[in-house]
Structures are given as structure tokens and as C-alpha cells.
Amino acid sequence: GRGFAFRRKQKIERQYRKLLKKGRKVHSQQDNQFTDTYPEHLKHLYLAEEEMLKKRRRAPDDSVLSEEKLNKAVECHYTVLPQDGNENKANIFFLLKIMTEGKFKKKTSNQKAKEEYEKIKAERARKKEEAEKRKQQREAAQRLHKQKKMEAYKILSKKTKRGQPNLNLQMEFLLQKIQQKT
């Protein structure tokens, strides 16, 4: 319940909250530093520099990136256009090019976990299919073996009118067996 591990956990949580509060205070002080204490004759320079820093921190515009991607994909699209002129194939290639270009970004842990799960799932499905194939092959071999045994049993168990074993059929069966082996 309330052992040393619990107390350690609470201590770490308190330290984390303290760090968060300090971080908030530092950020608010930095924001005030840039706006309140500028000398009037240099204020416009500081504000311009602050805007430049904000632009650098902000991620590049997605719309511009997507347009660049489209342009690159279009260039590649036209260079690798199939000679039969099939536009459907070309459009599919165009979409694949755009999709594959985005795949080289770093993956999040969630994406990595999903990929891992998909790999494991595919592996399990493949193993299951292989096991099913082996099972079917084994069953087919067993059926064939059983059928041959039944035929041999029918031939060897035939009797004459008096109830004696039919030696002619047995000899023919043995002859066939020998001929099949050679």
C-alpha cells in the first residue's frame, strides 16, 4: 500500500511539478524581457528579431511542402510514364510516389508499434497457412495409405468356396507389388 516505492513516486511527482512551475516562470520572464525593457529608439529592431525567431521555431508551412512534393512527384511522374500511355497506371504511380516520399520521416512510437504488430500478425498468418498446408498433405497421404491397405486387405482376405485363402489372388498381388517396385 503505502511503502517506500509509493513515497518515492510521490517525491518524484513533486519534483516534476516544481520543474514545470520553474519552466513556466522562466518562459514568462523571457517573454516580458523582450517586450517591456526595449529602449524606444531600438524597439522596432528587437521586435523584428523576435518575429524572425518565432518563424524559425514554427514548423515550415505544410501547404508549401505539399506543393513541393507534388511538383517533385509530377516531374518523376512524367519521366517514368509507361509507353503504352495508360493514364490509370500513371496516376497510380503518381500517388505511390507522393506516399513513399512521406515514409522516410521519423516514425512515432505508435507507428513503430503498429508496424511491429502488423509484422507479427503477417508472420502468424503465414505460419498458420503453412501448418494448414502440412495438415492437408498429411491427411491426403493418410487417406491414400488407408485406401491401398484396404485394397490389399480385400485381395488377401478373399476365400474360396470351401473357406480356404485364394492363393492365386495373393500371388498376383505379390507379383504386382514386385513390378511396381522395379
Protein backbone atom coordinates (compact mmCIF):
# COMPACT_ATOMS: atom_id res chain seq x y z
CA GLY A 1 0.00 0.00 0.00
CA ARG A 2 2.00 2.95 1.33
CA GLY A 3 5.56 1.58 1.29
CA PHE A 4 8.83 3.12 0.19
CA ALA A 5 8.01 2.83 -3.51
CA PHE A 6 4.85 4.91 -3.07
CA ARG A 7 6.77 7.61 -1.18
CA ARG A 8 9.48 7.61 -3.85
CA LYS A 9 6.83 8.01 -6.53
CA GLN A 10 5.25 10.97 -4.68
CA LYS A 11 8.66 12.60 -4.24
CA ILE A 12 9.41 12.31 -7.95
CA GLU A 13 5.97 13.70 -8.84
CA ARG A 14 6.58 16.73 -6.56
CA GLN A 15 9.97 17.35 -8.16
CA TYR A 16 8.42 17.13 -11.62
CA ARG A 17 5.70 19.64 -10.70
CA LYS A 18 8.38 22.01 -9.34
CA LEU A 19 10.30 21.79 -12.61
CA LEU A 20 7.14 22.51 -14.58
CA LYS A 21 6.44 25.61 -12.45
CA LYS A 22 10.02 26.83 -12.89
CA GLY A 23 9.77 26.29 -16.62
CA ARG A 24 6.58 28.35 -16.81
CA LYS A 25 8.14 31.17 -14.79
CA VAL A 26 11.27 31.23 -16.98
CA HIS A 27 9.20 31.38 -20.20
CA SER A 28 7.02 34.18 -18.87
CA GLN A 29 10.10 36.14 -17.79
CA GLN A 30 11.68 35.71 -21.23
CA ASP A 31 8.53 36.92 -22.94
CA ASN A 32 8.43 40.01 -20.68
CA GLN A 33 12.14 40.61 -21.26
CA PHE A 34 11.65 41.07 -24.99
CA THR A 35 8.67 43.40 -24.75
CA ASP A 36 8.98 45.57 -21.67
CA THR A 37 12.60 46.69 -21.45
CA TYR A 38 13.36 47.79 -25.02
CA PRO A 39 14.68 51.30 -25.45
CA GLU A 40 12.25 53.28 -27.59
CA HIS A 41 14.67 54.09 -30.38
CA LEU A 42 15.66 50.37 -30.83
CA LYS A 43 12.32 48.76 -30.12
CA HIS A 44 11.49 48.12 -33.80
CA LEU A 45 14.75 46.16 -34.27
CA TYR A 46 14.10 43.94 -31.28
CA LEU A 47 10.53 43.24 -32.40
CA ALA A 48 11.73 42.30 -35.91
CA GLU A 49 14.31 39.92 -34.44
CA GLU A 50 11.69 38.37 -32.17
CA GLU A 51 9.43 37.72 -35.18
CA MET A 52 12.32 36.08 -37.04
CA LEU A 53 12.96 33.78 -34.08
CA LYS A 54 9.27 32.85 -33.89
CA LYS A 55 9.27 31.99 -37.60
CA ARG A 56 12.32 29.76 -37.15
CA ARG A 57 10.71 27.95 -34.20
CA ARG A 58 7.46 27.43 -36.09
CA ALA A 59 7.37 24.41 -38.45
CA PRO A 60 7.59 25.21 -42.17
CA ASP A 61 4.31 25.76 -43.92
CA ASP A 62 2.65 22.44 -44.77
CA SER A 63 0.93 23.83 -47.82
CA VAL A 64 4.25 24.91 -49.33
CA LEU A 65 5.76 21.50 -48.58
CA SER A 66 2.87 19.64 -50.11
CA GLU A 67 3.13 21.77 -53.27
CA GLU A 68 6.86 20.99 -53.49
CA LYS A 69 6.12 17.29 -53.06
CA LEU A 70 3.51 17.44 -55.80
CA ASN A 71 5.93 19.21 -58.14
CA LYS A 72 8.66 16.63 -57.49
CA ALA A 73 6.20 13.79 -57.95
CA VAL A 74 4.91 15.32 -61.18
CA GLU A 75 8.46 15.57 -62.52
CA CYS A 76 9.11 11.93 -61.65
CA HIS A 77 5.67 11.03 -62.94
CA TYR A 78 6.41 12.33 -66.40
CA THR A 79 9.85 10.80 -66.60
CA VAL A 80 8.61 7.28 -65.78
CA LEU A 81 5.35 7.39 -67.70
CA PRO A 82 4.59 3.97 -69.26
CA GLN A 83 4.98 3.83 -73.03
CA ASP A 84 1.54 2.36 -73.63
CA GLY A 85 0.17 5.71 -72.42
CA ASN A 86 -2.18 4.17 -69.86
CA GLU A 87 -3.14 7.11 -67.65
CA ASN A 88 -4.53 4.94 -64.85
CA LYS A 89 -1.14 3.32 -64.35
CA ALA A 90 0.50 6.74 -64.45
CA ASN A 91 -1.91 8.14 -61.84
CA ILE A 92 -1.30 5.17 -59.56
CA PHE A 93 2.44 5.69 -59.89
CA PHE A 94 1.95 9.39 -59.15
CA LEU A 95 0.07 8.63 -55.92
CA LEU A 96 2.59 5.98 -54.85
CA LYS A 97 5.44 8.43 -55.39
CA ILE A 98 3.80 11.00 -53.10
CA MET A 99 3.03 8.38 -50.47
CA THR A 100 6.52 6.86 -50.46
CA GLU A 101 8.18 10.26 -50.20
CA GLY A 102 6.48 10.82 -46.84
CA LYS A 103 7.53 7.44 -45.49
CA PHE A 104 11.12 8.49 -44.89
CA LYS A 105 10.15 10.76 -41.99
CA LYS A 106 10.87 9.58 -38.47
CA LYS A 107 8.15 7.32 -37.15
CA THR A 108 6.42 7.80 -33.84
CA SER A 109 6.44 5.06 -31.25
CA ASN A 110 2.79 4.39 -32.06
CA GLN A 111 3.59 3.91 -35.74
CA LYS A 112 6.50 1.64 -34.87
CA ALA A 113 4.27 -0.42 -32.58
CA LYS A 114 1.64 -0.70 -35.32
CA GLU A 115 4.25 -1.85 -37.83
CA GLU A 116 5.60 -4.37 -35.35
CA TYR A 117 2.07 -5.64 -34.74
CA GLU A 118 1.42 -5.94 -38.48
CA LYS A 119 4.67 -7.86 -38.98
CA ILE A 120 3.82 -10.25 -36.16
CA LYS A 121 0.27 -10.65 -37.48
CA ALA A 122 1.52 -11.41 -41.01
CA GLU A 123 4.08 -13.88 -39.64
CA ARG A 124 1.39 -15.67 -37.64
CA ALA A 125 -0.92 -15.81 -40.66
CA ARG A 126 1.91 -17.22 -42.80
CA LYS A 127 2.75 -19.86 -40.19
CA LYS A 128 -0.93 -20.76 -39.85
CA GLU A 129 -1.25 -21.22 -43.64
CA GLU A 130 1.87 -23.39 -43.72
CA ALA A 131 0.56 -25.54 -40.86
CA GLU A 132 -2.79 -25.89 -42.68
CA LYS A 133 -0.99 -27.00 -45.88
CA ARG A 134 1.09 -29.56 -43.98
CA LYS A 135 -2.04 -30.86 -42.25
CA GLN A 136 -3.88 -31.25 -45.56
CA GLN A 137 -0.90 -33.03 -47.15
CA ARG A 138 -0.62 -35.37 -44.17
CA GLU A 139 -4.36 -36.15 -44.30
CA ALA A 140 -4.18 -36.82 -48.06
CA ALA A 141 -1.21 -39.16 -47.57
CA GLN A 142 -3.04 -40.97 -44.76
CA ARG A 143 -6.17 -41.38 -46.94
CA LEU A 144 -4.11 -42.78 -49.80
CA HIS A 145 -2.26 -45.18 -47.48
CA LYS A 146 -5.53 -46.34 -45.93
CA GLN A 147 -7.08 -46.92 -49.38
CA LYS A 148 -4.09 -49.04 -50.50
CA LYS A 149 -4.25 -51.04 -47.27
CA MET A 150 -7.99 -51.68 -47.80
CA GLU A 151 -7.42 -52.88 -51.38
CA ALA A 152 -4.62 -55.21 -50.22
CA TYR A 153 -6.81 -56.47 -47.39
CA LYS A 154 -9.71 -57.17 -49.78
CA ILE A 155 -7.47 -59.11 -52.15
CA LEU A 156 -5.66 -61.06 -49.45
CA SER A 157 -8.77 -61.87 -47.42
CA LYS A 158 -10.75 -63.43 -50.30
CA LYS A 159 -11.63 -67.05 -49.72
CA THR A 160 -12.53 -69.96 -51.96
CA LYS A 161 -15.91 -71.72 -51.81
CA ARG A 162 -14.57 -74.02 -49.15
CA GLY A 163 -13.22 -71.14 -46.99
CA GLN A 164 -9.57 -71.54 -47.86
CA PRO A 165 -7.46 -68.44 -48.75
CA ASN A 166 -7.35 -67.74 -52.51
CA LEU A 167 -3.65 -68.24 -53.24
CA ASN A 168 -3.94 -67.23 -56.93
CA LEU A 169 -5.10 -63.72 -55.96
CA GLN A 170 -2.40 -63.47 -53.31
CA MET A 171 0.30 -64.43 -55.81
CA GLU A 172 -1.00 -61.88 -58.36
CA PHE A 173 -0.98 -59.22 -55.65
CA LEU A 174 2.63 -60.02 -54.72
CA LEU A 175 3.61 -60.01 -58.43
CA GLN A 176 2.06 -56.54 -58.89
CA LYS A 177 3.86 -55.29 -55.79
CA ILE A 178 7.21 -56.52 -57.10
CA GLN A 179 6.58 -54.98 -60.54
CA GLN A 180 5.70 -51.61 -59.01
CA LYS A 181 8.95 -51.51 -57.01
CA THR A 182 11.12 -52.14 -60.10
